[in-house]
Amino acid sequence: MGFALSAKADPIPMSPELKAFLDRPEQQQALASMMRQQWRMAGENCSSPKLQGLLVLVETAPTFDSNGEPTSGEWRVVSHIEGCGEKRVFNLEYLFTPDGQMKRIALLPGTTAANLKLQHDALTYAAMGMAKIAPKECKDMKCTDTKFIGFDDTNSPAPSGKRPWTEEWTVRACGVTGIVTMHFTPDANATGVHILTELNKTRQVTP
């Protein structure tokens, strides 16, 4: 299983120690298991999806003990999966709890630029964006895909992390599927991000 580095500007390189850790059979098995679970949660009936490629995005360079076990850091493994005519992108976040325990957390599928916390906050807004097309009193909503559209002010000299951007999130609500336009705007101090949805831009699609 091969790993590619991030294509974004000024990425943090993946160290040989991290590559060796991710190449361990037990780590590859754990990754494959979680990706299959994400595939099923996305609603795909295909029983034999194939991994087409991986991308490792390092947010915080990890440290390792003498046995090659990571003890800190944060990185995301982006998997491109294909099966039965469908293509999906799944994301798995590796991070550490305050007591030093490593955790793997499945993020939303797709190409969203939102981090773990922002994704959690934005789910409420994505559900609100379905208000005009979702069945009344529907409580069963699930985000099945995300798509980064682009930065809203491409001429701005601000760093990418401080520029507003737009995404489209696919939301399934009680049998109805819609694509919700999501706007993300970092505040002036880059300590938070404002989220906005436009109800009139939500469009219903055939699942």
N, C-alpha and C. Protein backbone atom coordinates (compact mmCIF):
# COMPACT_ATOMS: atom_id res chain seq x y z
N MET A 1 0.86 -1.19 0.00
CA MET A 1 0.00 0.00 0.00
C MET A 1 0.89 1.24 0.00
N GLY A 2 0.72 2.10 -0.97
CA GLY A 2 1.59 3.26 -1.08
C GLY A 2 0.94 4.51 -0.53
N PHE A 3 1.76 5.44 -0.12
CA PHE A 3 1.27 6.70 0.43
C PHE A 3 1.83 7.85 -0.39
N ALA A 4 0.99 8.85 -0.66
CA ALA A 4 1.44 10.07 -1.32
C ALA A 4 1.43 11.20 -0.32
N LEU A 5 2.23 12.20 -0.57
CA LEU A 5 2.25 13.37 0.29
C LEU A 5 1.20 14.36 -0.14
N SER A 6 0.90 15.30 0.71
CA SER A 6 -0.06 16.33 0.39
C SER A 6 0.42 17.18 -0.77
N ALA A 7 -0.54 17.59 -1.61
CA ALA A 7 -0.20 18.46 -2.73
C ALA A 7 -0.40 19.93 -2.40
N LYS A 8 -0.81 20.24 -1.15
CA LYS A 8 -1.04 21.63 -0.80
C LYS A 8 0.29 22.36 -0.63
N ALA A 9 0.19 23.68 -0.64
CA ALA A 9 1.41 24.49 -0.53
C ALA A 9 2.05 24.29 0.84
N ASP A 10 3.36 24.18 0.83
CA ASP A 10 4.15 24.06 2.06
C ASP A 10 3.61 22.97 2.99
N PRO A 11 3.46 21.74 2.50
CA PRO A 11 2.98 20.66 3.38
C PRO A 11 4.05 20.26 4.38
N ILE A 12 3.62 19.69 5.50
CA ILE A 12 4.57 19.09 6.44
C ILE A 12 4.93 17.72 5.89
N PRO A 13 6.18 17.44 5.65
CA PRO A 13 6.55 16.14 5.06
C PRO A 13 6.18 14.98 5.97
N MET A 14 5.83 13.85 5.36
CA MET A 14 5.61 12.64 6.12
C MET A 14 6.97 12.01 6.41
N SER A 15 7.27 11.84 7.69
CA SER A 15 8.58 11.32 8.08
C SER A 15 8.69 9.83 7.77
N PRO A 16 9.91 9.31 7.65
CA PRO A 16 10.09 7.86 7.47
C PRO A 16 9.48 7.06 8.62
N GLU A 17 9.54 7.62 9.83
CA GLU A 17 8.97 6.92 10.98
C GLU A 17 7.45 6.78 10.85
N LEU A 18 6.78 7.84 10.38
CA LEU A 18 5.33 7.77 10.21
C LEU A 18 4.97 6.80 9.09
N LYS A 19 5.71 6.83 8.01
CA LYS A 19 5.43 5.91 6.91
C LYS A 19 5.61 4.46 7.37
N ALA A 20 6.68 4.21 8.14
CA ALA A 20 6.92 2.85 8.63
C ALA A 20 5.78 2.41 9.55
N PHE A 21 5.28 3.32 10.38
CA PHE A 21 4.18 2.99 11.28
C PHE A 21 2.92 2.67 10.49
N LEU A 22 2.57 3.49 9.51
CA LEU A 22 1.36 3.27 8.73
C LEU A 22 1.47 2.05 7.83
N ASP A 23 2.69 1.64 7.50
CA ASP A 23 2.91 0.47 6.66
C ASP A 23 2.81 -0.85 7.44
N ARG A 24 2.72 -0.78 8.76
CA ARG A 24 2.61 -2.01 9.55
C ARG A 24 1.32 -2.75 9.18
N PRO A 25 1.38 -4.06 9.10
CA PRO A 25 0.18 -4.83 8.71
C PRO A 25 -1.03 -4.55 9.58
N GLU A 26 -0.83 -4.42 10.90
CA GLU A 26 -1.99 -4.20 11.77
C GLU A 26 -2.60 -2.82 11.55
N GLN A 27 -1.74 -1.84 11.19
CA GLN A 27 -2.27 -0.51 10.91
C GLN A 27 -3.02 -0.48 9.59
N GLN A 28 -2.51 -1.19 8.60
CA GLN A 28 -3.20 -1.25 7.32
C GLN A 28 -4.53 -1.98 7.46
N GLN A 29 -4.56 -3.02 8.29
CA GLN A 29 -5.81 -3.75 8.51
C GLN A 29 -6.84 -2.87 9.21
N ALA A 30 -6.39 -2.10 10.22
CA ALA A 30 -7.30 -1.21 10.93
C ALA A 30 -7.84 -0.13 10.00
N LEU A 31 -6.96 0.41 9.16
CA LEU A 31 -7.38 1.44 8.21
C LEU A 31 -8.39 0.87 7.22
N ALA A 32 -8.10 -0.31 6.68
CA ALA A 32 -9.01 -0.92 5.70
C ALA A 32 -10.37 -1.21 6.33
N SER A 33 -10.37 -1.67 7.57
CA SER A 33 -11.62 -1.97 8.25
C SER A 33 -12.48 -0.72 8.43
N MET A 34 -11.86 0.38 8.85
CA MET A 34 -12.62 1.60 9.06
C MET A 34 -13.11 2.19 7.74
N MET A 35 -12.32 2.04 6.68
CA MET A 35 -12.75 2.56 5.38
C MET A 35 -13.93 1.76 4.84
N ARG A 36 -13.92 0.43 5.05
CA ARG A 36 -15.07 -0.37 4.62
C ARG A 36 -16.33 0.03 5.40
N GLN A 37 -16.13 0.33 6.69
CA GLN A 37 -17.27 0.76 7.50
C GLN A 37 -17.82 2.08 6.98
N GLN A 38 -16.94 3.02 6.63
CA GLN A 38 -17.39 4.30 6.08
C GLN A 38 -18.13 4.10 4.77
N TRP A 39 -17.64 3.17 3.95
CA TRP A 39 -18.28 2.89 2.67
C TRP A 39 -19.72 2.42 2.90
N ARG A 40 -19.91 1.53 3.86
CA ARG A 40 -21.25 1.03 4.15
C ARG A 40 -22.14 2.14 4.71
N MET A 41 -21.59 3.00 5.55
CA MET A 41 -22.38 4.08 6.12
C MET A 41 -22.81 5.09 5.08
N ALA A 42 -22.02 5.20 4.00
CA ALA A 42 -22.38 6.13 2.92
C ALA A 42 -23.55 5.61 2.10
N GLY A 43 -23.96 4.36 2.37
CA GLY A 43 -25.12 3.82 1.70
C GLY A 43 -24.82 3.01 0.46
N GLU A 44 -23.56 2.66 0.24
CA GLU A 44 -23.22 1.90 -0.95
C GLU A 44 -23.50 0.41 -0.72
N ASN A 45 -24.07 -0.24 -1.73
CA ASN A 45 -24.37 -1.66 -1.64
C ASN A 45 -23.26 -2.54 -2.19
N CYS A 46 -22.27 -1.92 -2.80
CA CYS A 46 -21.17 -2.69 -3.39
C CYS A 46 -20.39 -3.42 -2.30
N SER A 47 -20.20 -4.70 -2.49
CA SER A 47 -19.57 -5.52 -1.45
C SER A 47 -18.05 -5.59 -1.58
N SER A 48 -17.50 -5.09 -2.68
CA SER A 48 -16.05 -5.25 -2.88
C SER A 48 -15.40 -3.97 -3.37
N PRO A 49 -15.47 -2.88 -2.59
CA PRO A 49 -14.80 -1.65 -3.00
C PRO A 49 -13.28 -1.82 -2.99
N LYS A 50 -12.61 -1.11 -3.88
CA LYS A 50 -11.16 -1.22 -4.02
C LYS A 50 -10.49 0.11 -3.67
N LEU A 51 -9.40 0.01 -2.95
CA LEU A 51 -8.61 1.18 -2.62
C LEU A 51 -7.78 1.58 -3.83
N GLN A 52 -7.95 2.83 -4.29
CA GLN A 52 -7.23 3.32 -5.46
C GLN A 52 -6.01 4.17 -5.10
N GLY A 53 -5.97 4.69 -3.89
CA GLY A 53 -4.83 5.51 -3.49
C GLY A 53 -5.04 6.16 -2.14
N LEU A 54 -3.92 6.55 -1.52
CA LEU A 54 -3.96 7.19 -0.21
C LEU A 54 -3.15 8.49 -0.24
N LEU A 55 -3.62 9.44 0.54
CA LEU A 55 -2.92 10.70 0.72
C LEU A 55 -2.79 10.95 2.21
N VAL A 56 -1.60 11.24 2.68
CA VAL A 56 -1.38 11.52 4.11
C VAL A 56 -1.12 13.00 4.28
N LEU A 57 -1.97 13.67 5.06
CA LEU A 57 -1.85 15.10 5.33
C LEU A 57 -1.44 15.27 6.79
N VAL A 58 -0.25 15.76 7.02
CA VAL A 58 0.29 15.92 8.37
C VAL A 58 -0.04 17.32 8.87
N GLU A 59 -0.84 17.40 9.93
CA GLU A 59 -1.18 18.69 10.55
C GLU A 59 -0.15 19.08 11.60
N THR A 60 0.23 18.12 12.45
CA THR A 60 1.25 18.33 13.47
C THR A 60 2.22 17.17 13.40
N ALA A 61 3.49 17.47 13.19
CA ALA A 61 4.48 16.41 13.01
C ALA A 61 4.51 15.49 14.24
N PRO A 62 4.40 14.18 14.04
CA PRO A 62 4.36 13.26 15.18
C PRO A 62 5.73 13.02 15.78
N THR A 63 5.74 12.59 17.03
CA THR A 63 6.96 12.12 17.69
C THR A 63 6.79 10.63 17.98
N PHE A 64 7.91 9.94 18.17
CA PHE A 64 7.88 8.49 18.33
C PHE A 64 8.77 8.07 19.49
N ASP A 65 8.40 6.93 20.11
CA ASP A 65 9.26 6.39 21.15
C ASP A 65 10.30 5.46 20.53
N SER A 66 11.08 4.81 21.36
CA SER A 66 12.19 3.98 20.86
C SER A 66 11.71 2.76 20.09
N ASN A 67 10.43 2.40 20.25
CA ASN A 67 9.87 1.25 19.54
C ASN A 67 9.16 1.64 18.24
N GLY A 68 9.25 2.92 17.90
CA GLY A 68 8.60 3.38 16.69
C GLY A 68 7.11 3.64 16.83
N GLU A 69 6.63 3.70 18.07
CA GLU A 69 5.22 3.99 18.33
C GLU A 69 5.03 5.50 18.43
N PRO A 70 4.06 6.06 17.73
CA PRO A 70 3.83 7.50 17.84
C PRO A 70 3.32 7.87 19.22
N THR A 71 3.78 9.00 19.73
CA THR A 71 3.38 9.46 21.05
C THR A 71 2.67 10.82 21.01
N SER A 72 2.71 11.48 19.87
CA SER A 72 2.01 12.76 19.71
C SER A 72 1.89 13.04 18.22
N GLY A 73 1.15 14.11 17.91
CA GLY A 73 1.01 14.52 16.52
C GLY A 73 -0.44 14.43 16.06
N GLU A 74 -0.66 14.85 14.84
CA GLU A 74 -1.99 14.77 14.23
C GLU A 74 -1.83 14.69 12.73
N TRP A 75 -2.50 13.72 12.13
CA TRP A 75 -2.44 13.58 10.68
C TRP A 75 -3.73 12.95 10.18
N ARG A 76 -3.98 13.15 8.89
CA ARG A 76 -5.19 12.63 8.25
C ARG A 76 -4.80 11.72 7.10
N VAL A 77 -5.46 10.57 7.02
CA VAL A 77 -5.27 9.67 5.89
C VAL A 77 -6.51 9.78 5.01
N VAL A 78 -6.30 10.19 3.77
CA VAL A 78 -7.38 10.36 2.79
C VAL A 78 -7.34 9.18 1.83
N SER A 79 -8.42 8.41 1.79
CA SER A 79 -8.49 7.21 0.96
C SER A 79 -9.44 7.42 -0.21
N HIS A 80 -8.98 7.05 -1.39
CA HIS A 80 -9.82 7.10 -2.58
C HIS A 80 -10.28 5.67 -2.88
N ILE A 81 -11.60 5.47 -2.79
CA ILE A 81 -12.19 4.14 -2.91
C ILE A 81 -13.08 4.10 -4.15
N GLU A 82 -13.06 2.97 -4.84
CA GLU A 82 -13.89 2.81 -6.03
C GLU A 82 -14.51 1.42 -6.02
N GLY A 83 -15.79 1.35 -6.42
CA GLY A 83 -16.45 0.05 -6.49
C GLY A 83 -17.82 0.15 -7.12
N CYS A 84 -18.13 -0.79 -8.00
CA CYS A 84 -19.45 -0.87 -8.63
C CYS A 84 -19.86 0.46 -9.27
N GLY A 85 -18.90 1.10 -9.92
CA GLY A 85 -19.19 2.34 -10.63
C GLY A 85 -19.21 3.59 -9.78
N GLU A 86 -18.95 3.47 -8.50
CA GLU A 86 -18.95 4.62 -7.59
C GLU A 86 -17.53 4.93 -7.13
N LYS A 87 -17.27 6.23 -6.92
CA LYS A 87 -15.99 6.67 -6.38
C LYS A 87 -16.26 7.50 -5.14
N ARG A 88 -15.50 7.25 -4.09
CA ARG A 88 -15.67 7.96 -2.83
C ARG A 88 -14.32 8.35 -2.25
N VAL A 89 -14.33 9.41 -1.47
CA VAL A 89 -13.15 9.84 -0.72
C VAL A 89 -13.50 9.78 0.76
N PHE A 90 -12.71 9.02 1.52
CA PHE A 90 -12.94 8.89 2.96
C PHE A 90 -11.73 9.42 3.73
N ASN A 91 -12.01 9.95 4.91
CA ASN A 91 -10.99 10.62 5.71
C ASN A 91 -10.94 10.03 7.11
N LEU A 92 -9.73 9.74 7.55
CA LEU A 92 -9.51 9.20 8.89
C LEU A 92 -8.47 10.05 9.60
N GLU A 93 -8.86 10.59 10.75
CA GLU A 93 -7.98 11.47 11.52
C GLU A 93 -7.29 10.68 12.63
N TYR A 94 -5.99 10.86 12.74
CA TYR A 94 -5.21 10.29 13.84
C TYR A 94 -4.82 11.44 14.76
N LEU A 95 -5.14 11.29 16.05
CA LEU A 95 -4.76 12.31 17.03
C LEU A 95 -4.55 11.64 18.38
N PHE A 96 -4.15 12.46 19.37
CA PHE A 96 -3.80 11.91 20.68
C PHE A 96 -4.58 12.61 21.77
N THR A 97 -5.06 11.83 22.73
CA THR A 97 -5.77 12.36 23.88
C THR A 97 -4.74 12.95 24.86
N PRO A 98 -5.19 13.75 25.84
CA PRO A 98 -4.24 14.34 26.79
C PRO A 98 -3.39 13.32 27.52
N ASP A 99 -3.88 12.09 27.67
CA ASP A 99 -3.08 11.08 28.37
C ASP A 99 -2.18 10.29 27.40
N GLY A 100 -2.09 10.76 26.15
CA GLY A 100 -1.15 10.17 25.22
C GLY A 100 -1.66 8.99 24.42
N GLN A 101 -2.97 8.71 24.49
CA GLN A 101 -3.53 7.59 23.75
C GLN A 101 -3.88 8.01 22.31
N MET A 102 -3.46 7.21 21.34
CA MET A 102 -3.77 7.51 19.96
C MET A 102 -5.21 7.13 19.64
N LYS A 103 -5.90 7.99 18.88
CA LYS A 103 -7.27 7.72 18.47
C LYS A 103 -7.38 7.86 16.95
N ARG A 104 -8.21 7.00 16.36
CA ARG A 104 -8.56 7.13 14.94
C ARG A 104 -10.02 7.56 14.89
N ILE A 105 -10.29 8.66 14.20
CA ILE A 105 -11.64 9.19 14.14
C ILE A 105 -12.04 9.35 12.69
N ALA A 106 -13.16 8.75 12.31
CA ALA A 106 -13.66 8.90 10.95
C ALA A 106 -14.26 10.29 10.77
N LEU A 107 -13.77 11.02 9.80
CA LEU A 107 -14.30 12.33 9.48
C LEU A 107 -15.37 12.19 8.40
N LEU A 108 -15.98 13.30 8.01
CA LEU A 108 -16.96 13.26 6.94
C LEU A 108 -16.29 12.85 5.64
N PRO A 109 -17.00 12.13 4.78
CA PRO A 109 -16.41 11.77 3.49
C PRO A 109 -16.29 12.98 2.57
N GLY A 110 -15.43 12.84 1.56
CA GLY A 110 -15.30 13.90 0.58
C GLY A 110 -14.09 14.78 0.78
N THR A 111 -14.14 15.98 0.21
CA THR A 111 -12.97 16.85 0.14
C THR A 111 -13.11 18.11 0.98
N THR A 112 -13.95 18.09 2.00
CA THR A 112 -14.10 19.25 2.86
C THR A 112 -12.77 19.69 3.47
N ALA A 113 -12.60 21.00 3.60
CA ALA A 113 -11.41 21.55 4.24
C ALA A 113 -11.61 21.76 5.73
N ALA A 114 -12.81 21.49 6.22
CA ALA A 114 -13.11 21.70 7.64
C ALA A 114 -12.43 20.64 8.50
N ASN A 115 -11.93 21.08 9.66
CA ASN A 115 -11.32 20.12 10.58
C ASN A 115 -12.40 19.42 11.40
N LEU A 116 -11.96 18.57 12.31
CA LEU A 116 -12.90 17.74 13.07
C LEU A 116 -13.95 18.57 13.80
N LYS A 117 -13.53 19.58 14.55
CA LYS A 117 -14.47 20.39 15.33
C LYS A 117 -15.41 21.16 14.41
N LEU A 118 -14.86 21.74 13.35
CA LEU A 118 -15.68 22.53 12.44
C LEU A 118 -16.70 21.65 11.72
N GLN A 119 -16.31 20.44 11.37
CA GLN A 119 -17.26 19.52 10.76
C GLN A 119 -18.44 19.25 11.70
N HIS A 120 -18.11 19.01 12.95
CA HIS A 120 -19.17 18.74 13.95
C HIS A 120 -20.12 19.92 14.04
N ASP A 121 -19.58 21.14 14.11
CA ASP A 121 -20.41 22.33 14.22
C ASP A 121 -21.24 22.55 12.95
N ALA A 122 -20.65 22.25 11.79
CA ALA A 122 -21.30 22.55 10.52
C ALA A 122 -22.44 21.59 10.20
N LEU A 123 -22.47 20.42 10.82
CA LEU A 123 -23.54 19.47 10.54
C LEU A 123 -24.92 20.06 10.86
N THR A 124 -25.00 20.87 11.91
CA THR A 124 -26.28 21.51 12.25
C THR A 124 -26.73 22.45 11.14
N TYR A 125 -25.78 23.19 10.57
CA TYR A 125 -26.10 24.13 9.49
C TYR A 125 -26.47 23.38 8.21
N ALA A 126 -25.82 22.26 7.97
CA ALA A 126 -26.15 21.46 6.79
C ALA A 126 -27.58 20.94 6.90
N ALA A 127 -27.98 20.53 8.11
CA ALA A 127 -29.35 20.07 8.33
C ALA A 127 -30.34 21.21 8.13
N MET A 128 -29.97 22.41 8.60
CA MET A 128 -30.83 23.58 8.40
C MET A 128 -30.99 23.89 6.92
N GLY A 129 -29.94 23.64 6.16
CA GLY A 129 -30.00 23.91 4.72
C GLY A 129 -30.95 23.01 3.97
N MET A 130 -31.41 21.93 4.61
CA MET A 130 -32.34 20.99 3.99
C MET A 130 -33.80 21.32 4.32
N ALA A 131 -34.04 22.43 5.02
CA ALA A 131 -35.37 22.72 5.57
C ALA A 131 -36.47 22.75 4.52
N LYS A 132 -36.17 23.23 3.32
CA LYS A 132 -37.22 23.39 2.31
C LYS A 132 -37.56 22.11 1.56
N ILE A 133 -36.66 21.13 1.60
CA ILE A 133 -36.92 19.93 0.81
C ILE A 133 -37.04 18.67 1.66
N ALA A 134 -36.61 18.71 2.90
CA ALA A 134 -36.70 17.52 3.77
C ALA A 134 -38.12 17.34 4.28
N PRO A 135 -38.55 16.10 4.49
CA PRO A 135 -39.88 15.87 5.08
C PRO A 135 -39.98 16.56 6.45
N LYS A 136 -41.16 17.07 6.75
CA LYS A 136 -41.36 17.75 8.02
C LYS A 136 -41.11 16.79 9.18
N GLU A 137 -40.52 17.32 10.25
CA GLU A 137 -40.21 16.57 11.46
C GLU A 137 -39.16 15.49 11.24
N CYS A 138 -38.45 15.54 10.12
CA CYS A 138 -37.41 14.54 9.87
C CYS A 138 -36.25 14.74 10.84
N LYS A 139 -35.86 13.68 11.52
CA LYS A 139 -34.74 13.71 12.44
C LYS A 139 -33.56 12.88 11.95
N ASP A 140 -33.77 12.12 10.90
CA ASP A 140 -32.75 11.21 10.39
C ASP A 140 -32.00 11.87 9.24
N MET A 141 -30.95 12.61 9.58
CA MET A 141 -30.15 13.29 8.57
C MET A 141 -28.71 12.82 8.64
N LYS A 142 -28.12 12.63 7.46
CA LYS A 142 -26.75 12.14 7.39
C LYS A 142 -26.03 12.80 6.22
N CYS A 143 -24.83 13.26 6.48
CA CYS A 143 -24.00 13.83 5.42
C CYS A 143 -23.23 12.70 4.75
N THR A 144 -23.49 12.49 3.46
CA THR A 144 -22.88 11.37 2.75
C THR A 144 -21.71 11.77 1.86
N ASP A 145 -21.51 13.08 1.65
CA ASP A 145 -20.38 13.52 0.83
C ASP A 145 -20.17 15.01 1.04
N THR A 146 -18.94 15.47 0.81
CA THR A 146 -18.62 16.89 0.86
C THR A 146 -17.72 17.23 -0.32
N LYS A 147 -17.81 18.47 -0.77
CA LYS A 147 -16.99 18.89 -1.91
C LYS A 147 -16.48 20.30 -1.68
N PHE A 148 -15.17 20.47 -1.63
CA PHE A 148 -14.57 21.80 -1.53
C PHE A 148 -14.70 22.48 -2.89
N ILE A 149 -15.37 23.64 -2.94
CA ILE A 149 -15.58 24.35 -4.20
C ILE A 149 -14.45 25.32 -4.49
N GLY A 150 -14.03 26.09 -3.47
CA GLY A 150 -12.93 27.02 -3.68
C GLY A 150 -12.98 28.17 -2.70
N PHE A 151 -11.93 28.98 -2.73
CA PHE A 151 -11.88 30.17 -1.89
C PHE A 151 -12.74 31.26 -2.52
N ASP A 152 -13.40 32.07 -1.67
CA ASP A 152 -14.32 33.08 -2.16
C ASP A 152 -13.64 34.37 -2.61
N ASP A 153 -12.41 34.58 -2.17
CA ASP A 153 -11.69 35.80 -2.54
C ASP A 153 -10.30 35.40 -3.04
N THR A 154 -10.23 34.90 -4.23
CA THR A 154 -8.98 34.36 -4.75
C THR A 154 -7.89 35.41 -4.89
N ASN A 155 -8.25 36.68 -4.87
CA ASN A 155 -7.25 37.75 -4.99
C ASN A 155 -6.74 38.23 -3.64
N SER A 156 -7.26 37.66 -2.56
CA SER A 156 -6.85 38.10 -1.23
C SER A 156 -5.44 37.61 -0.91
N PRO A 157 -4.61 38.48 -0.31
CA PRO A 157 -3.26 38.05 0.08
C PRO A 157 -3.24 37.26 1.38
N ALA A 158 -4.40 37.10 2.04
CA ALA A 158 -4.43 36.41 3.33
C ALA A 158 -4.03 34.96 3.16
N PRO A 159 -3.39 34.38 4.17
CA PRO A 159 -3.06 32.95 4.12
C PRO A 159 -4.32 32.13 3.92
N SER A 160 -4.17 30.94 3.32
CA SER A 160 -5.33 30.11 2.99
C SER A 160 -6.17 29.78 4.20
N GLY A 161 -5.55 29.63 5.37
CA GLY A 161 -6.29 29.29 6.57
C GLY A 161 -7.18 30.41 7.07
N LYS A 162 -7.02 31.64 6.55
CA LYS A 162 -7.80 32.77 7.01
C LYS A 162 -8.75 33.29 5.94
N ARG A 163 -8.81 32.63 4.80
CA ARG A 163 -9.66 33.07 3.71
C ARG A 163 -10.99 32.33 3.72
N PRO A 164 -12.09 33.01 3.40
CA PRO A 164 -13.38 32.33 3.35
C PRO A 164 -13.43 31.35 2.18
N TRP A 165 -14.21 30.28 2.35
CA TRP A 165 -14.31 29.32 1.27
C TRP A 165 -15.72 28.74 1.22
N THR A 166 -16.03 28.09 0.12
CA THR A 166 -17.36 27.52 -0.11
C THR A 166 -17.25 26.02 -0.37
N GLU A 167 -18.21 25.28 0.16
CA GLU A 167 -18.28 23.84 -0.08
C GLU A 167 -19.72 23.45 -0.40
N GLU A 168 -19.90 22.26 -0.96
CA GLU A 168 -21.22 21.68 -1.15
C GLU A 168 -21.27 20.36 -0.40
N TRP A 169 -22.26 20.23 0.47
CA TRP A 169 -22.41 19.01 1.27
C TRP A 169 -23.66 18.27 0.81
N THR A 170 -23.52 16.98 0.58
CA THR A 170 -24.65 16.13 0.21
C THR A 170 -25.26 15.56 1.49
N VAL A 171 -26.53 15.82 1.68
CA VAL A 171 -27.23 15.43 2.91
C VAL A 171 -28.42 14.56 2.55
N ARG A 172 -28.56 13.44 3.25
CA ARG A 172 -29.70 12.55 3.08
C ARG A 172 -30.62 12.71 4.27
N ALA A 173 -31.89 13.03 4.01
CA ALA A 173 -32.86 13.30 5.07
C ALA A 173 -34.14 12.52 4.82
N CYS A 174 -34.33 11.42 5.55
CA CYS A 174 -35.56 10.64 5.47
C CYS A 174 -35.94 10.32 4.03
N GLY A 175 -34.98 9.83 3.26
CA GLY A 175 -35.24 9.42 1.89
C GLY A 175 -35.06 10.51 0.85
N VAL A 176 -34.85 11.74 1.27
CA VAL A 176 -34.63 12.86 0.35
C VAL A 176 -33.16 13.27 0.40
N THR A 177 -32.55 13.43 -0.77
CA THR A 177 -31.14 13.82 -0.83
C THR A 177 -31.02 15.21 -1.45
N GLY A 178 -30.25 16.05 -0.79
CA GLY A 178 -30.04 17.40 -1.29
C GLY A 178 -28.58 17.80 -1.21
N ILE A 179 -28.20 18.79 -2.01
CA ILE A 179 -26.85 19.36 -1.97
C ILE A 179 -26.96 20.76 -1.38
N VAL A 180 -26.32 20.95 -0.25
CA VAL A 180 -26.41 22.19 0.52
C VAL A 180 -25.13 23.00 0.31
N THR A 181 -25.30 24.27 -0.06
CA THR A 181 -24.15 25.17 -0.21
C THR A 181 -23.75 25.70 1.15
N MET A 182 -22.46 25.52 1.49
CA MET A 182 -21.95 25.91 2.81
C MET A 182 -20.85 26.95 2.64
N HIS A 183 -20.98 28.07 3.37
CA HIS A 183 -19.96 29.13 3.34
C HIS A 183 -19.24 29.15 4.69
N PHE A 184 -17.92 29.14 4.66
CA PHE A 184 -17.08 29.17 5.85
C PHE A 184 -16.24 30.45 5.83
N THR A 185 -16.34 31.25 6.90
CA THR A 185 -15.61 32.51 6.96
C THR A 185 -14.85 32.62 8.27
N PRO A 186 -13.51 32.48 8.24
CA PRO A 186 -12.72 32.67 9.48
C PRO A 186 -12.89 34.09 9.99
N ASP A 187 -12.95 34.25 11.31
CA ASP A 187 -13.05 35.60 11.86
C ASP A 187 -11.71 36.30 11.76
N ALA A 188 -11.71 37.57 12.10
CA ALA A 188 -10.53 38.41 11.89
C ALA A 188 -9.31 37.89 12.64
N ASN A 189 -9.51 37.28 13.79
CA ASN A 189 -8.39 36.79 14.59
C ASN A 189 -8.07 35.32 14.31
N ALA A 190 -8.82 34.73 13.36
CA ALA A 190 -8.62 33.32 13.00
C ALA A 190 -8.77 32.39 14.20
N THR A 191 -9.62 32.81 15.17
CA THR A 191 -9.86 31.96 16.34
C THR A 191 -11.14 31.14 16.18
N GLY A 192 -11.91 31.43 15.17
CA GLY A 192 -13.15 30.71 14.91
C GLY A 192 -13.57 30.87 13.47
N VAL A 193 -14.61 30.14 13.07
CA VAL A 193 -15.10 30.19 11.70
C VAL A 193 -16.61 30.34 11.73
N HIS A 194 -17.12 31.32 11.00
CA HIS A 194 -18.56 31.51 10.86
C HIS A 194 -19.07 30.64 9.72
N ILE A 195 -20.23 30.02 9.93
CA ILE A 195 -20.80 29.11 8.96
C ILE A 195 -22.14 29.67 8.49
N LEU A 196 -22.38 29.64 7.19
CA LEU A 196 -23.62 30.14 6.62
C LEU A 196 -24.11 29.20 5.54
N THR A 197 -25.40 28.89 5.54
CA THR A 197 -26.01 28.13 4.46
C THR A 197 -27.04 29.01 3.76
N GLU A 198 -27.30 28.71 2.50
CA GLU A 198 -28.28 29.46 1.72
C GLU A 198 -29.40 28.50 1.31
N LEU A 199 -30.57 28.66 1.94
CA LEU A 199 -31.68 27.74 1.68
C LEU A 199 -32.07 27.72 0.21
N ASN A 200 -32.03 28.87 -0.45
CA ASN A 200 -32.47 28.94 -1.84
C ASN A 200 -31.51 28.26 -2.80
N LYS A 201 -30.31 27.95 -2.33
CA LYS A 201 -29.35 27.28 -3.20
C LYS A 201 -29.35 25.76 -3.02
N THR A 202 -30.03 25.27 -1.99
CA THR A 202 -30.11 23.83 -1.79
C THR A 202 -30.90 23.20 -2.93
N ARG A 203 -30.35 22.16 -3.54
CA ARG A 203 -31.05 21.52 -4.65
C ARG A 203 -31.22 20.04 -4.38
N GLN A 204 -32.38 19.55 -4.71
CA GLN A 204 -32.68 18.13 -4.50
C GLN A 204 -32.12 17.31 -5.65
N VAL A 205 -31.56 16.15 -5.30
CA VAL A 205 -30.97 15.28 -6.31
C VAL A 205 -31.49 13.87 -6.12
N THR A 206 -31.36 13.07 -7.17
CA THR A 206 -31.73 11.65 -7.07
C THR A 206 -30.59 10.91 -6.41
N PRO A 207 -30.85 10.16 -5.34
CA PRO A 207 -29.78 9.45 -4.63
C PRO A 207 -29.03 8.50 -5.55
